[in-house]
Protein backbone atom coordinates (compact mmCIF):
# COMPACT_ATOMS: atom_id res chain seq x y z
CA UNK A 1 48.93 -106.05 -191.00
CA UNK A 2 45.92 -107.29 -191.15
CA UNK A 3 46.73 -110.67 -192.44
CA UNK A 4 49.62 -110.93 -189.88
CA UNK A 5 46.90 -110.20 -187.10
CA UNK A 6 44.18 -112.02 -188.36
CA UNK A 7 47.15 -115.77 -188.47
CA UNK A 8 48.89 -114.64 -185.21
CA UNK A 9 46.51 -113.67 -182.72
CA UNK A 10 44.04 -116.32 -182.42
CA UNK A 11 46.95 -118.73 -182.14
CA UNK A 12 47.66 -117.07 -178.99
CA UNK A 13 44.10 -116.22 -177.22
CA UNK A 14 43.80 -119.86 -176.14
CA UNK A 15 46.81 -119.06 -174.44
CA UNK A 16 46.43 -115.45 -173.53
CA UNK A 17 44.12 -112.99 -173.80
CA UNK A 18 46.53 -109.97 -174.49
CA UNK A 19 48.42 -108.77 -177.11
CA UNK A 20 51.24 -106.30 -176.76
CA UNK A 21 51.77 -103.78 -179.90
CA UNK A 22 54.97 -102.21 -178.53
CA UNK A 23 55.67 -98.47 -178.44
CA UNK A 24 58.74 -97.95 -176.36
CA UNK A 25 62.17 -96.21 -177.19
CA UNK A 26 60.66 -95.13 -180.74
CA UNK A 27 63.78 -93.41 -182.79
CA UNK A 28 62.24 -90.37 -184.60
CA UNK A 29 64.99 -90.29 -186.83
CA UNK A 30 64.14 -93.29 -188.65
CA UNK A 31 61.38 -91.50 -190.18
CA UNK A 32 63.42 -89.14 -192.11
CA UNK A 33 63.96 -92.22 -194.11
CA UNK A 34 60.45 -92.71 -194.87
CA UNK A 35 59.44 -91.55 -198.07
CA UNK A 36 55.63 -91.01 -197.01
CA UNK A 37 57.02 -89.00 -193.67
CA UNK A 38 60.47 -87.62 -194.12
CA UNK A 39 60.23 -85.54 -190.62
CA UNK A 40 61.77 -86.62 -187.11
CA UNK A 41 59.24 -84.31 -185.44
CA UNK A 42 57.09 -85.92 -182.89
CA UNK A 43 53.92 -83.67 -184.10
CA UNK A 44 54.58 -84.95 -187.79
CA UNK A 45 54.85 -88.83 -186.63
CA UNK A 46 52.19 -89.09 -183.89
CA UNK A 47 49.56 -89.09 -186.42
CA UNK A 48 50.94 -91.84 -188.01
CA UNK A 49 51.67 -93.71 -184.58
CA UNK A 50 47.75 -93.01 -183.82
CA UNK A 51 46.62 -94.73 -187.29
CA UNK A 52 48.87 -97.86 -186.75
CA UNK A 53 47.75 -98.36 -183.18
CA UNK A 54 44.17 -97.85 -184.06
CA UNK A 55 44.49 -100.20 -186.68
CA UNK A 56 46.47 -102.68 -184.93
CA UNK A 57 44.08 -102.90 -181.92
CA UNK A 58 41.09 -103.16 -183.96
CA UNK A 59 43.09 -105.99 -185.51
CA UNK A 60 43.89 -107.32 -181.74
CA UNK A 61 40.24 -106.74 -180.22
CA UNK A 62 38.53 -108.47 -183.44
CA UNK A 63 40.71 -111.15 -182.81
CA UNK A 64 39.74 -111.72 -179.24
CA UNK A 65 42.54 -110.13 -177.26
CA UNK A 66 43.21 -106.99 -175.25
CA UNK A 67 45.71 -104.85 -176.45
CA UNK A 68 48.40 -103.45 -174.49
CA UNK A 69 51.61 -100.97 -175.28
CA UNK A 70 54.36 -99.57 -173.41
CA UNK A 71 54.21 -96.20 -171.34
CA UNK A 72 55.88 -93.77 -174.18
CA UNK A 73 53.09 -94.17 -176.09
CA UNK A 74 50.31 -92.36 -173.77
CA UNK A 75 52.99 -90.36 -171.55
CA UNK A 76 55.49 -89.15 -174.16
CA UNK A 77 53.84 -89.13 -177.36
CA UNK A 78 50.51 -88.20 -175.64
CA UNK A 79 48.34 -90.67 -178.43
CA UNK A 80 44.96 -90.64 -177.17
CA UNK A 81 43.88 -94.39 -177.27
CA UNK A 82 40.93 -96.31 -175.76
CA UNK A 83 40.59 -96.90 -172.12
CA UNK A 84 40.64 -100.63 -172.63
CA UNK A 85 44.18 -100.59 -173.50
CA UNK A 86 46.76 -101.59 -170.85
CA UNK A 87 49.58 -99.29 -170.37
CA UNK A 88 52.99 -101.26 -169.38
CA UNK A 89 55.07 -99.06 -167.37
CA UNK A 90 58.89 -99.77 -166.79
CA UNK A 91 60.38 -96.66 -165.93
CA UNK A 92 58.87 -96.14 -162.37
CA UNK A 93 56.18 -94.89 -160.03
CA UNK A 94 55.90 -91.41 -161.59
CA UNK A 95 54.92 -93.51 -164.69
CA UNK A 96 52.79 -95.91 -163.10
CA UNK A 97 50.84 -92.68 -161.42
CA UNK A 98 50.71 -90.79 -164.97
CA UNK A 99 48.94 -93.84 -166.69
CA UNK A 100 46.36 -94.11 -163.90
CA UNK A 101 45.89 -90.58 -163.90
CA UNK A 102 45.12 -90.36 -167.57
CA UNK A 103 42.52 -93.50 -166.80
CA UNK A 104 44.47 -96.61 -168.04
CA UNK A 105 44.74 -99.82 -166.62
CA UNK A 106 48.63 -100.55 -165.83
CA UNK A 107 51.19 -103.53 -165.56
CA UNK A 108 53.78 -102.12 -163.48
CA UNK A 109 57.45 -103.54 -164.27
CA UNK A 110 59.88 -100.84 -163.12
CA UNK A 111 63.59 -101.37 -164.94
CA UNK A 112 65.44 -100.95 -162.02
CA UNK A 113 63.90 -104.20 -160.85
CA UNK A 114 65.04 -106.12 -163.82
CA UNK A 115 68.59 -104.55 -163.91
CA UNK A 116 69.09 -105.67 -159.96
CA UNK A 117 67.58 -109.26 -161.30
CA UNK A 118 70.13 -109.35 -164.09
CA UNK A 119 73.07 -108.57 -161.72
CA UNK A 120 72.27 -111.64 -159.57
CA UNK A 121 74.72 -114.24 -160.43
CA UNK A 122 73.17 -117.24 -162.77
CA UNK A 123 73.56 -119.77 -160.16
CA UNK A 124 70.98 -118.05 -157.88
CA UNK A 125 68.31 -117.95 -160.87
CA UNK A 126 65.67 -120.98 -160.88
CA UNK A 127 63.82 -120.63 -164.06
CA UNK A 128 60.66 -123.36 -163.53
CA UNK A 129 59.67 -124.95 -166.91
CA UNK A 130 55.65 -125.26 -166.28
CA UNK A 131 53.53 -124.56 -169.36
CA UNK A 132 50.58 -124.20 -167.22
CA UNK A 133 52.13 -121.43 -164.81
CA UNK A 134 55.71 -119.92 -165.73
CA UNK A 135 57.60 -118.95 -162.89
CA UNK A 136 61.07 -116.88 -162.71
CA UNK A 137 62.33 -116.84 -159.01
CA UNK A 138 65.28 -116.74 -157.03
CA UNK A 139 66.35 -120.13 -155.11
């Protein structure tokens, strides 16, 4: 993982100073297949997630970027992350309030707005291809 982050993150930081490390919709049952874990219990899995995020976020920071995660890491899993980590919410206003109450900066993006956008007919969506300022908007 260290080699991956050391290779990828410096290639991205000239364009963006943020790096998303994921964490949404974690399937607990997949950890039943892991020889080192063999459990679907959140209390058993959480320390492994924390260890991964601590390592990943250290590598992200070392390479000049700010890490961010999906809301589930702090709101559902209760992972205690440093306050420089940005939390991306997607499940609604209560998630924004919850992450802010825990002291995190937030990128808010309610999934209901994404679903609404997906139901707009394709002829009404205008994607402007501009490397410096990409914009998704409506005609």
